[in-house]
Amino acid sequence: MAGMLDQLPAGPHRTILRGWAILAVTALALAGFALIVPAASKVPALENAVDWPDAFFQKGLVAHVALSFIVWFLAVLAILAQTALRLPDRRDPALPGSLGLVLAVIGTLAIAGAPFLKGSEASLNNYIPSIIHPVYFAGLALVAAGASLPVLTMLMRLTELASDAETSQQTRRIAYLSLGLLYVAALAAIAIAAHQLGEWPTEYAIIERLFWGGGHLLQFVNVALLLIAIDRLGRQAFNNASPLGEAATKWAPGALFLAGAAGLSIYGLTDIRSDAHIKAFTDLQYAFAVPVGIAVLGALMQKRRWRMAQGKIEITSLIAATLVFLLGCALGLFVDGADTRTPAHYHGVIGGINIAFYGLFYTQFLPILGRSLAKQRLAIIQIILYAVGQSLFVAGLFLAGGMGAGRKTMGAGLDLNATTRAILGVRDFGLAIAVLSTAGFIVAMLIVLIRQPKNQAKI
């Protein structure tokens, strides 16, 4: 992409972007610990040997989801917002990005530390599972506010884009505007829900209603992130040409915004405590078919460009992200919310978006910061391993769910026989591959980001 790989000069903006990149990767690392350490409380030899916090495993699961899904995604959102259309320069104030980073770091530490707080309880609700404690909710609020500062700065900057700007800039401007406004809409949804509920989030039922609408709108934000990631990776591989075509690049995020923003009207049309409210937001998921369909059709119409593409990491990321994401979308047609077909669906969707983010780190975020992996082949291997592992994992989850495996139980409800054992084996093998490949990404990124470029290790 023209200008996308320019190295950002040393100064406050590069320091801020580096900080957001480190936060994003650190959140993934903390998410791993948030799952592994509480899992130790279930090991027979350790279960009674250590004075574990109450319901430690459930609290760790909540922190894992918050760190690996909310903080990781919002940190990438902040980086994309600060590099939208062009890299930041002296015209751009550094305060929003730096203040946002400080808030997000404090919030991340609060989320990571919440499982250890006495008197807290785990609430395994949908979209934004929670630990019922003021520190955890404060952490969520700080991370959300921290990401909103660069997003709001981006929106103000995009409104000043010259009317005579090149066509590709005007097209991409719509995508970034859609992304930023959808994020604002998601935060507004949570604020409206809090006002309508009029109660502190002290139990599952209240928390579910508090985050139900905003959680759904965050899914629109996530798809907008994927569309922008695909566009940035594709333009880099196709010599600044859109991988979806200029029309689809404009209309897909536009349709996504219209559908997502329309979701705010549900708060005025339904009682937040009613079943109609829940169903209205649930049915909103069908609106994804329009922007996703536009994007897929646009990509198919650019097949000639795909044959001329350059950049092995970019192409690997694009193909793997698209296939895993579409797998997750396809599985979503069969979910009912009661068994592991539901997590199979969203782990596929999230997995596809993760792959696109990995590609952005390797090919854009690191070069912008004047850094890179010494051995690019390892990036391709990591992406392929993650894609294969995540696909096997979601396939195992889906098949197990179809045979009766209960949601959030990892196999409970199944009659163990040769077939079910094989399915669970595929699930666990895939999960192990995905986890190990993610660990490789985390280690590589932290080494490259923390060390000075001249002392960069060869990974």
Protein backbone atom coordinates (compact mmCIF):
# COMPACT_ATOMS: atom_id res chain seq x y z
CA MET A 1 0.00 0.00 0.00
CA ALA A 2 1.37 3.35 -0.98
CA GLY A 3 2.92 4.97 2.05
CA MET A 4 1.72 2.19 4.35
CA LEU A 5 5.15 0.67 4.84
CA ASP A 6 6.93 3.98 5.39
CA GLN A 7 8.83 3.85 8.64
CA LEU A 8 7.48 6.22 11.25
CA PRO A 9 10.25 8.62 12.37
CA ALA A 10 11.42 8.42 15.96
CA GLY A 11 9.26 10.52 18.23
CA PRO A 12 6.12 10.45 20.34
CA HIS A 13 3.87 8.91 17.70
CA ARG A 14 6.18 5.95 17.13
CA THR A 15 6.50 5.47 20.88
CA ILE A 16 2.72 5.51 21.26
CA LEU A 17 2.13 3.04 18.44
CA ARG A 18 4.81 0.76 19.82
CA GLY A 19 3.09 0.94 23.21
CA TRP A 20 -0.26 -0.07 21.70
CA ALA A 21 1.42 -2.94 19.83
CA ILE A 22 3.09 -4.18 23.01
CA LEU A 23 -0.21 -3.90 24.89
CA ALA A 24 -2.01 -5.92 22.21
CA VAL A 25 0.52 -8.76 22.31
CA THR A 26 0.83 -8.64 26.10
CA ALA A 27 -2.94 -8.99 26.39
CA LEU A 28 -2.70 -12.25 24.44
CA ALA A 29 0.08 -13.44 26.73
CA LEU A 30 -1.88 -12.54 29.86
CA ALA A 31 -4.91 -14.29 28.39
CA GLY A 32 -2.88 -17.48 28.22
CA PHE A 33 -1.83 -17.18 31.83
CA ALA A 34 -5.39 -16.33 32.82
CA LEU A 35 -6.42 -19.75 31.53
CA ILE A 36 -3.38 -21.84 32.45
CA VAL A 37 -2.91 -20.68 36.06
CA PRO A 38 -6.55 -21.16 37.13
CA ALA A 39 -6.56 -24.51 35.33
CA ALA A 40 -3.89 -25.58 37.83
CA SER A 41 -6.53 -25.24 40.54
CA LYS A 42 -8.27 -28.25 38.96
CA VAL A 43 -5.16 -30.46 39.01
CA PRO A 44 -5.67 -33.09 41.74
CA ALA A 45 -2.16 -32.67 43.16
CA LEU A 46 -2.55 -28.89 43.43
CA GLU A 47 -6.25 -28.51 44.10
CA ASN A 48 -5.85 -28.70 47.86
CA ALA A 49 -2.18 -27.80 48.11
CA VAL A 50 -2.76 -24.10 47.37
CA ASP A 51 -5.31 -21.72 48.86
CA TRP A 52 -6.92 -20.81 45.53
CA PRO A 53 -9.47 -17.97 45.26
CA ASP A 54 -13.10 -19.09 45.16
CA ALA A 55 -14.30 -20.19 41.68
CA PHE A 56 -10.80 -19.42 40.40
CA PHE A 57 -11.18 -21.40 37.18
CA GLN A 58 -14.38 -19.59 36.16
CA LYS A 59 -12.85 -16.21 36.97
CA GLY A 60 -9.76 -17.10 34.95
CA LEU A 61 -11.96 -18.07 32.01
CA VAL A 62 -13.66 -14.66 32.18
CA ALA A 63 -10.31 -12.83 32.26
CA HIS A 64 -9.06 -14.99 29.38
CA VAL A 65 -11.97 -13.98 27.17
CA ALA A 66 -11.72 -10.30 28.14
CA LEU A 67 -7.98 -10.17 27.43
CA SER A 68 -7.86 -12.29 24.28
CA PHE A 69 -10.99 -10.84 22.73
CA ILE A 70 -11.73 -7.36 24.09
CA VAL A 71 -8.28 -5.93 24.93
CA TRP A 72 -6.48 -7.59 21.98
CA PHE A 73 -9.11 -6.42 19.48
CA LEU A 74 -9.41 -2.90 20.88
CA ALA A 75 -5.63 -2.43 20.94
CA VAL A 76 -5.49 -3.36 17.24
CA LEU A 77 -8.42 -1.00 16.66
CA ALA A 78 -6.40 1.81 18.26
CA ILE A 79 -3.39 1.09 16.02
CA LEU A 80 -5.55 1.05 12.89
CA ALA A 81 -7.24 4.29 13.96
CA GLN A 82 -3.88 6.04 14.38
CA THR A 83 -2.61 4.85 10.99
CA ALA A 84 -5.84 5.31 9.01
CA LEU A 85 -5.04 6.40 5.41
CA ARG A 86 -1.69 7.84 6.46
CA LEU A 87 0.86 7.62 9.24
CA PRO A 88 0.64 10.21 12.04
CA ASP A 89 2.86 13.28 11.72
CA ARG A 90 3.40 16.65 13.36
CA ARG A 91 -0.11 17.76 12.40
CA ASP A 92 -1.58 15.12 14.69
CA PRO A 93 -1.72 15.63 18.47
CA ALA A 94 0.03 12.90 20.44
CA LEU A 95 -2.02 13.37 23.61
CA PRO A 96 -5.10 11.29 22.62
CA GLY A 97 -3.02 8.27 21.70
CA SER A 98 -0.77 8.49 24.75
CA LEU A 99 -3.59 9.15 27.23
CA GLY A 100 -5.63 6.39 25.65
CA LEU A 101 -2.71 4.00 25.99
CA VAL A 102 -2.27 4.82 29.68
CA LEU A 103 -5.96 4.24 30.35
CA ALA A 104 -5.94 0.96 28.41
CA VAL A 105 -2.84 -0.31 30.25
CA ILE A 106 -4.38 0.43 33.65
CA GLY A 107 -7.62 -1.21 32.56
CA THR A 108 -5.80 -4.29 31.30
CA LEU A 109 -3.99 -4.71 34.61
CA ALA A 110 -7.32 -4.41 36.44
CA ILE A 111 -8.89 -7.11 34.27
CA ALA A 112 -5.88 -9.42 34.68
CA GLY A 113 -5.88 -8.97 38.45
CA ALA A 114 -9.63 -9.35 38.95
CA PRO A 115 -9.60 -13.17 39.37
CA PHE A 116 -7.52 -12.77 42.53
CA LEU A 117 -9.87 -10.31 44.25
CA LYS A 118 -11.71 -11.50 47.32
CA GLY A 119 -15.48 -11.25 47.29
CA SER A 120 -15.69 -11.35 43.49
CA GLU A 121 -17.89 -13.70 41.48
CA ALA A 122 -17.72 -14.98 37.91
CA SER A 123 -20.60 -14.33 35.54
CA LEU A 124 -20.26 -16.43 32.39
CA ASN A 125 -22.69 -14.35 30.36
CA ASN A 126 -22.53 -13.88 26.60
CA TYR A 127 -20.24 -11.52 24.65
CA ILE A 128 -18.61 -9.79 27.62
CA PRO A 129 -18.36 -12.30 30.49
CA SER A 130 -17.71 -10.57 33.76
CA ILE A 131 -16.20 -10.79 37.19
CA ILE A 132 -18.65 -9.11 39.53
CA HIS A 133 -16.36 -6.62 41.21
CA PRO A 134 -15.92 -2.84 40.76
CA VAL A 135 -12.26 -3.28 39.77
CA TYR A 136 -13.15 -5.55 36.83
CA PHE A 137 -15.87 -3.25 35.50
CA ALA A 138 -13.55 -0.27 35.95
CA GLY A 139 -10.95 -2.16 33.92
CA LEU A 140 -13.42 -2.74 31.08
CA ALA A 141 -14.42 0.93 31.14
CA LEU A 142 -10.81 2.13 31.07
CA VAL A 143 -9.88 -0.09 28.13
CA ALA A 144 -12.97 1.01 26.21
CA ALA A 145 -12.29 4.67 26.97
CA GLY A 146 -8.62 4.29 26.10
CA ALA A 147 -9.44 2.91 22.65
CA SER A 148 -12.10 5.55 22.08
CA LEU A 149 -9.60 8.43 22.22
CA PRO A 150 -7.62 7.47 19.07
CA VAL A 151 -10.91 6.43 17.42
CA LEU A 152 -12.50 9.84 18.03
CA THR A 153 -9.31 11.54 16.83
CA MET A 154 -9.47 9.43 13.65
CA LEU A 155 -13.10 10.38 13.03
CA MET A 156 -12.30 14.09 13.33
CA ARG A 157 -9.33 13.71 10.99
CA LEU A 158 -11.34 11.78 8.40
CA THR A 159 -14.00 14.50 8.23
CA GLU A 160 -11.24 16.89 7.10
CA LEU A 161 -10.17 14.73 4.14
CA ALA A 162 -9.93 16.89 1.02
CA SER A 163 -12.75 16.46 -1.46
CA ASP A 164 -10.22 16.09 -4.28
CA ALA A 165 -8.41 13.19 -2.60
CA GLU A 166 -7.73 10.16 -4.79
CA THR A 167 -10.53 7.66 -5.29
CA SER A 168 -8.90 4.90 -3.21
CA GLN A 169 -8.58 7.27 -0.25
CA GLN A 170 -12.21 8.30 -0.49
CA THR A 171 -13.21 4.63 -0.68
CA ARG A 172 -11.14 3.61 2.34
CA ARG A 173 -12.38 6.65 4.23
CA ILE A 174 -15.86 5.09 4.27
CA ALA A 175 -14.45 1.90 5.79
CA TYR A 176 -12.68 3.77 8.60
CA LEU A 177 -15.67 6.01 9.25
CA SER A 178 -17.89 2.93 9.49
CA LEU A 179 -15.44 1.29 11.90
CA GLY A 180 -15.19 4.32 14.17
CA LEU A 181 -18.91 5.07 14.22
CA LEU A 182 -19.79 1.43 14.90
CA TYR A 183 -17.47 1.46 17.90
CA VAL A 184 -19.13 4.63 19.18
CA ALA A 185 -22.53 2.97 18.63
CA ALA A 186 -21.46 -0.11 20.63
CA LEU A 187 -20.39 2.05 23.57
CA ALA A 188 -23.61 4.06 23.28
CA ALA A 189 -25.62 0.82 23.38
CA ILE A 190 -24.01 -0.19 26.68
CA ALA A 191 -24.60 3.29 28.11
CA ILE A 192 -28.27 3.22 27.06
CA ALA A 193 -28.69 -0.25 28.55
CA ALA A 194 -27.14 0.87 31.83
CA HIS A 195 -29.54 3.82 31.97
CA GLN A 196 -32.60 1.71 31.17
CA LEU A 197 -31.68 -0.99 33.67
CA GLY A 198 -30.97 1.51 36.44
CA GLU A 199 -29.19 -1.14 38.52
CA TRP A 200 -25.61 -1.99 39.35
CA PRO A 201 -24.35 -5.13 37.54
CA THR A 202 -24.48 -7.44 40.53
CA GLU A 203 -25.94 -10.61 39.00
CA TYR A 204 -26.00 -12.61 35.79
CA ALA A 205 -29.43 -11.44 34.59
CA ILE A 206 -28.52 -7.74 34.82
CA ILE A 207 -25.09 -8.19 33.25
CA GLU A 208 -26.57 -10.20 30.37
CA ARG A 209 -28.99 -7.38 29.54
CA LEU A 210 -26.32 -4.72 30.08
CA PHE A 211 -23.95 -6.14 27.48
CA TRP A 212 -26.38 -7.94 25.18
CA GLY A 213 -26.95 -5.14 22.68
CA GLY A 214 -23.50 -3.59 22.92
CA GLY A 215 -21.95 -7.04 22.61
CA HIS A 216 -23.85 -7.64 19.38
CA LEU A 217 -22.74 -4.28 17.99
CA LEU A 218 -19.13 -5.09 18.88
CA GLN A 219 -19.46 -8.02 16.46
CA PHE A 220 -20.12 -5.45 13.74
CA VAL A 221 -16.98 -3.62 14.87
CA ASN A 222 -15.02 -6.87 14.59
CA VAL A 223 -16.21 -7.52 11.03
CA ALA A 224 -15.32 -3.92 10.14
CA LEU A 225 -11.83 -4.57 11.55
CA LEU A 226 -11.56 -7.66 9.35
CA LEU A 227 -12.64 -5.78 6.21
CA ILE A 228 -10.03 -3.08 6.85
CA ALA A 229 -7.34 -5.67 7.61
CA ILE A 230 -8.13 -7.50 4.36
CA ASP A 231 -8.04 -4.22 2.44
CA ARG A 232 -4.68 -3.19 3.91
CA LEU A 233 -3.08 -6.59 3.36
CA GLY A 234 -4.53 -6.83 -0.13
CA ARG A 235 -3.46 -3.39 -1.28
CA GLN A 236 0.04 -4.18 -0.12
CA ALA A 237 0.04 -7.44 -2.11
CA PHE A 238 -1.75 -6.01 -5.19
CA ASN A 239 0.29 -2.84 -5.65
CA ASN A 240 -2.29 -0.56 -3.99
CA ALA A 241 -5.24 -2.18 -5.79
CA SER A 242 -8.18 -3.25 -3.65
CA PRO A 243 -8.46 -7.03 -3.12
CA LEU A 244 -12.24 -6.65 -3.16
CA GLY A 245 -12.55 -4.00 -5.84
CA GLU A 246 -13.19 -0.35 -5.06
CA ALA A 247 -16.98 -0.74 -5.16
CA ALA A 248 -17.09 -3.63 -2.67
CA THR A 249 -14.51 -1.90 -0.47
CA LYS A 250 -16.95 1.00 -0.18
CA TRP A 251 -20.31 -0.77 -0.03
CA ALA A 252 -19.44 -3.66 2.31
CA PRO A 253 -18.47 -1.48 5.31
CA GLY A 254 -21.23 0.97 4.40
CA ALA A 255 -23.85 -1.77 4.60
CA LEU A 256 -22.24 -3.04 7.80
CA PHE A 257 -22.56 0.39 9.40
CA LEU A 258 -26.19 0.85 8.39
CA ALA A 259 -27.16 -2.53 9.82
CA GLY A 260 -25.18 -2.08 13.03
CA ALA A 261 -26.28 1.49 13.70
CA ALA A 262 -29.90 0.46 13.13
CA GLY A 263 -29.49 -1.83 16.13
CA LEU A 264 -29.59 1.19 18.44
CA SER A 265 -33.26 1.63 17.55
CA ILE A 266 -34.01 -1.65 19.34
CA TYR A 267 -33.61 0.13 22.67
CA GLY A 268 -36.49 2.42 21.76
CA LEU A 269 -38.66 -0.28 20.24
CA THR A 270 -38.42 -2.96 22.93
CA ASP A 271 -38.32 -3.24 26.70
CA ILE A 272 -34.74 -4.10 27.67
CA ARG A 273 -35.99 -6.76 30.10
CA SER A 274 -38.24 -8.45 27.53
CA ASP A 275 -37.67 -11.52 25.40
CA ALA A 276 -38.40 -9.35 22.36
CA HIS A 277 -35.30 -7.30 23.14
CA ILE A 278 -33.10 -10.41 23.23
CA LYS A 279 -34.61 -11.79 20.03
CA ALA A 280 -34.31 -8.49 18.15
CA PHE A 281 -30.56 -8.31 18.71
CA THR A 282 -30.19 -12.03 18.01
CA ASP A 283 -31.95 -11.62 14.66
CA LEU A 284 -29.69 -8.68 13.85
CA GLN A 285 -26.97 -11.23 13.09
CA TYR A 286 -28.67 -12.02 9.77
CA ALA A 287 -27.72 -8.53 8.59
CA PHE A 288 -24.11 -9.74 8.38
CA ALA A 289 -25.03 -11.63 5.23
CA VAL A 290 -25.19 -8.43 3.17
CA PRO A 291 -21.71 -6.93 3.83
CA VAL A 292 -20.04 -10.35 3.94
CA GLY A 293 -21.75 -11.30 0.68
CA ILE A 294 -20.65 -8.04 -0.97
CA ALA A 295 -17.06 -8.63 0.16
CA VAL A 296 -16.99 -12.25 -1.06
CA LEU A 297 -18.50 -11.30 -4.42
CA GLY A 298 -16.02 -8.47 -4.77
CA ALA A 299 -13.09 -10.79 -4.05
CA LEU A 300 -14.30 -13.32 -6.62
CA MET A 301 -14.46 -10.58 -9.25
CA GLN A 302 -10.80 -9.74 -8.58
CA LYS A 303 -9.44 -13.24 -9.27
CA ARG A 304 -7.15 -11.92 -12.02
CA ARG A 305 -5.43 -9.64 -9.49
CA TRP A 306 -5.03 -12.54 -7.10
CA ARG A 307 -2.98 -14.41 -9.70
CA MET A 308 -0.61 -11.42 -9.92
CA ALA A 309 -0.33 -10.84 -6.17
CA GLN A 310 3.02 -10.54 -4.43
CA GLY A 311 4.02 -11.02 -0.81
CA LYS A 312 3.85 -14.51 0.63
CA ILE A 313 2.89 -13.42 4.15
CA GLU A 314 0.17 -11.12 2.87
CA ILE A 315 -1.36 -13.75 0.59
CA THR A 316 -1.10 -16.48 3.24
CA SER A 317 -2.80 -14.21 5.76
CA LEU A 318 -5.56 -13.23 3.34
CA ILE A 319 -6.39 -16.78 2.27
CA ALA A 320 -6.16 -18.30 5.75
CA ALA A 321 -8.15 -15.49 7.40
CA THR A 322 -10.89 -15.68 4.78
CA LEU A 323 -11.25 -19.47 4.91
CA VAL A 324 -11.32 -19.72 8.71
CA PHE A 325 -13.71 -16.77 9.01
CA LEU A 326 -16.10 -18.20 6.41
CA LEU A 327 -15.92 -21.57 8.16
CA GLY A 328 -17.05 -19.88 11.35
CA CYS A 329 -19.85 -18.07 9.49
CA ALA A 330 -21.06 -21.33 7.92
CA LEU A 331 -21.15 -23.09 11.29
CA GLY A 332 -23.23 -20.22 12.64
CA LEU A 333 -26.16 -21.42 10.54
CA PHE A 334 -26.56 -24.43 12.86
CA VAL A 335 -26.19 -22.93 16.35
CA ASP A 336 -28.89 -23.01 18.98
CA GLY A 337 -26.98 -21.59 21.95
CA ALA A 338 -27.20 -24.74 24.06
CA ASP A 339 -24.24 -26.84 22.91
CA THR A 340 -20.68 -26.42 21.63
CA ARG A 341 -21.78 -25.66 18.09
CA THR A 342 -22.15 -22.06 19.30
CA PRO A 343 -18.52 -21.65 20.47
CA ALA A 344 -17.45 -23.49 17.32
CA HIS A 345 -19.10 -20.73 15.32
CA TYR A 346 -17.58 -17.78 17.15
CA HIS A 347 -14.13 -19.37 17.57
CA GLY A 348 -14.05 -19.77 13.79
CA VAL A 349 -15.06 -16.16 13.19
CA ILE A 350 -12.62 -14.83 15.82
CA GLY A 351 -9.89 -17.13 14.52
CA GLY A 352 -10.20 -15.67 11.02
CA ILE A 353 -9.93 -12.13 12.38
CA ASN A 354 -6.92 -13.13 14.51
CA ILE A 355 -5.11 -14.38 11.41
CA ALA A 356 -5.69 -11.07 9.64
CA PHE A 357 -4.27 -9.27 12.69
CA TYR A 358 -1.21 -11.53 12.69
CA GLY A 359 -0.64 -10.60 9.07
CA LEU A 360 -0.91 -6.90 9.88
CA PHE A 361 1.68 -7.21 12.65
CA TYR A 362 4.14 -9.05 10.42
CA THR A 363 3.77 -6.94 7.29
CA GLN A 364 2.71 -3.47 8.48
CA PHE A 365 2.85 -2.73 12.19
CA LEU A 366 6.43 -3.91 12.62
CA PRO A 367 7.75 -2.12 9.49
CA ILE A 368 6.00 1.09 10.56
CA LEU A 369 7.95 0.86 13.81
CA GLY A 370 11.20 0.15 11.99
CA ARG A 371 11.26 -3.50 13.01
CA SER A 372 10.85 -6.86 11.32
CA LEU A 373 11.35 -10.58 11.75
CA ALA A 374 14.73 -11.78 10.53
CA LYS A 375 13.20 -15.00 9.15
CA GLN A 376 9.96 -14.26 7.34
CA ARG A 377 9.29 -17.94 6.70
CA LEU A 378 8.44 -18.43 10.36
CA ALA A 379 5.58 -15.97 10.01
CA ILE A 380 4.05 -18.07 7.23
CA ILE A 381 4.48 -21.26 9.25
CA GLN A 382 2.87 -19.66 12.31
CA ILE A 383 -0.14 -18.45 10.33
CA ILE A 384 -0.68 -21.82 8.63
CA LEU A 385 -0.34 -23.75 11.89
CA TYR A 386 -2.81 -21.46 13.62
CA ALA A 387 -5.30 -21.72 10.75
CA VAL A 388 -5.07 -25.53 10.70
CA GLY A 389 -5.24 -25.82 14.48
CA GLN A 390 -8.17 -23.44 14.81
CA SER A 391 -10.06 -25.20 12.02
CA LEU A 392 -9.59 -28.60 13.67
CA PHE A 393 -10.60 -27.13 17.02
CA VAL A 394 -13.84 -25.60 15.76
CA ALA A 395 -14.63 -28.72 13.72
CA GLY A 396 -14.23 -30.85 16.85
CA LEU A 397 -16.36 -28.44 18.87
CA PHE A 398 -19.06 -28.46 16.22
CA LEU A 399 -19.20 -32.24 15.88
CA ALA A 400 -19.18 -32.70 19.65
CA GLY A 401 -21.99 -30.17 19.98
CA GLY A 402 -24.01 -31.99 17.37
CA MET A 403 -23.70 -35.12 19.50
CA GLY A 404 -24.83 -33.40 22.68
CA ALA A 405 -21.75 -31.78 24.24
CA GLY A 406 -22.97 -28.99 26.50
CA ARG A 407 -21.73 -25.45 26.02
CA LYS A 408 -19.02 -24.25 28.45
CA THR A 409 -18.41 -27.83 29.60
CA MET A 410 -15.81 -29.03 27.05
CA GLY A 411 -17.37 -32.43 26.51
CA ALA A 412 -19.91 -32.96 29.28
CA GLY A 413 -23.11 -34.55 28.00
CA LEU A 414 -21.37 -36.92 25.59
CA ASP A 415 -21.51 -40.69 25.77
CA LEU A 416 -17.85 -41.63 25.55
CA ASN A 417 -17.27 -44.18 22.82
CA ALA A 418 -14.75 -44.57 20.04
CA THR A 419 -16.42 -41.93 17.87
CA THR A 420 -16.80 -39.27 20.54
CA ARG A 421 -13.28 -39.89 21.83
CA ALA A 422 -11.96 -39.35 18.29
CA ILE A 423 -13.93 -36.12 17.95
CA LEU A 424 -12.68 -34.81 21.29
CA GLY A 425 -9.17 -35.84 20.26
CA VAL A 426 -9.44 -33.77 17.08
CA ARG A 427 -10.76 -30.82 19.09
CA ASP A 428 -7.98 -30.98 21.68
CA PHE A 429 -5.25 -31.58 19.08
CA GLY A 430 -6.41 -28.58 17.10
CA LEU A 431 -6.57 -26.45 20.23
CA ALA A 432 -3.01 -27.44 21.16
CA ILE A 433 -1.72 -26.45 17.71
CA ALA A 434 -3.58 -23.12 17.81
CA VAL A 435 -2.32 -22.33 21.32
CA LEU A 436 1.30 -23.22 20.52
CA SER A 437 1.27 -21.18 17.29
CA THR A 438 -0.20 -18.22 19.16
CA ALA A 439 2.51 -18.58 21.81
CA GLY A 440 5.09 -18.47 19.02
CA PHE A 441 3.56 -15.26 17.70
CA ILE A 442 3.56 -13.70 21.17
CA VAL A 443 7.19 -14.57 21.89
CA ALA A 444 8.37 -13.38 18.50
CA MET A 445 6.47 -10.09 18.71
CA LEU A 446 7.56 -9.29 22.26
CA ILE A 447 11.22 -9.91 21.42
CA VAL A 448 11.07 -7.73 18.31
CA LEU A 449 9.00 -4.98 19.93
CA ILE A 450 10.87 -4.72 23.22
CA ARG A 451 14.43 -4.98 21.97
CA GLN A 452 16.01 -2.10 20.12
CA PRO A 453 16.11 -2.72 16.34
CA LYS A 454 19.90 -2.82 16.18
CA ASN A 455 19.92 -5.56 18.83
CA GLN A 456 16.97 -7.39 17.32
CA ALA A 457 17.23 -11.12 17.72
CA LYS A 458 17.01 -13.40 14.72
CA ILE A 459 13.86 -15.34 15.23
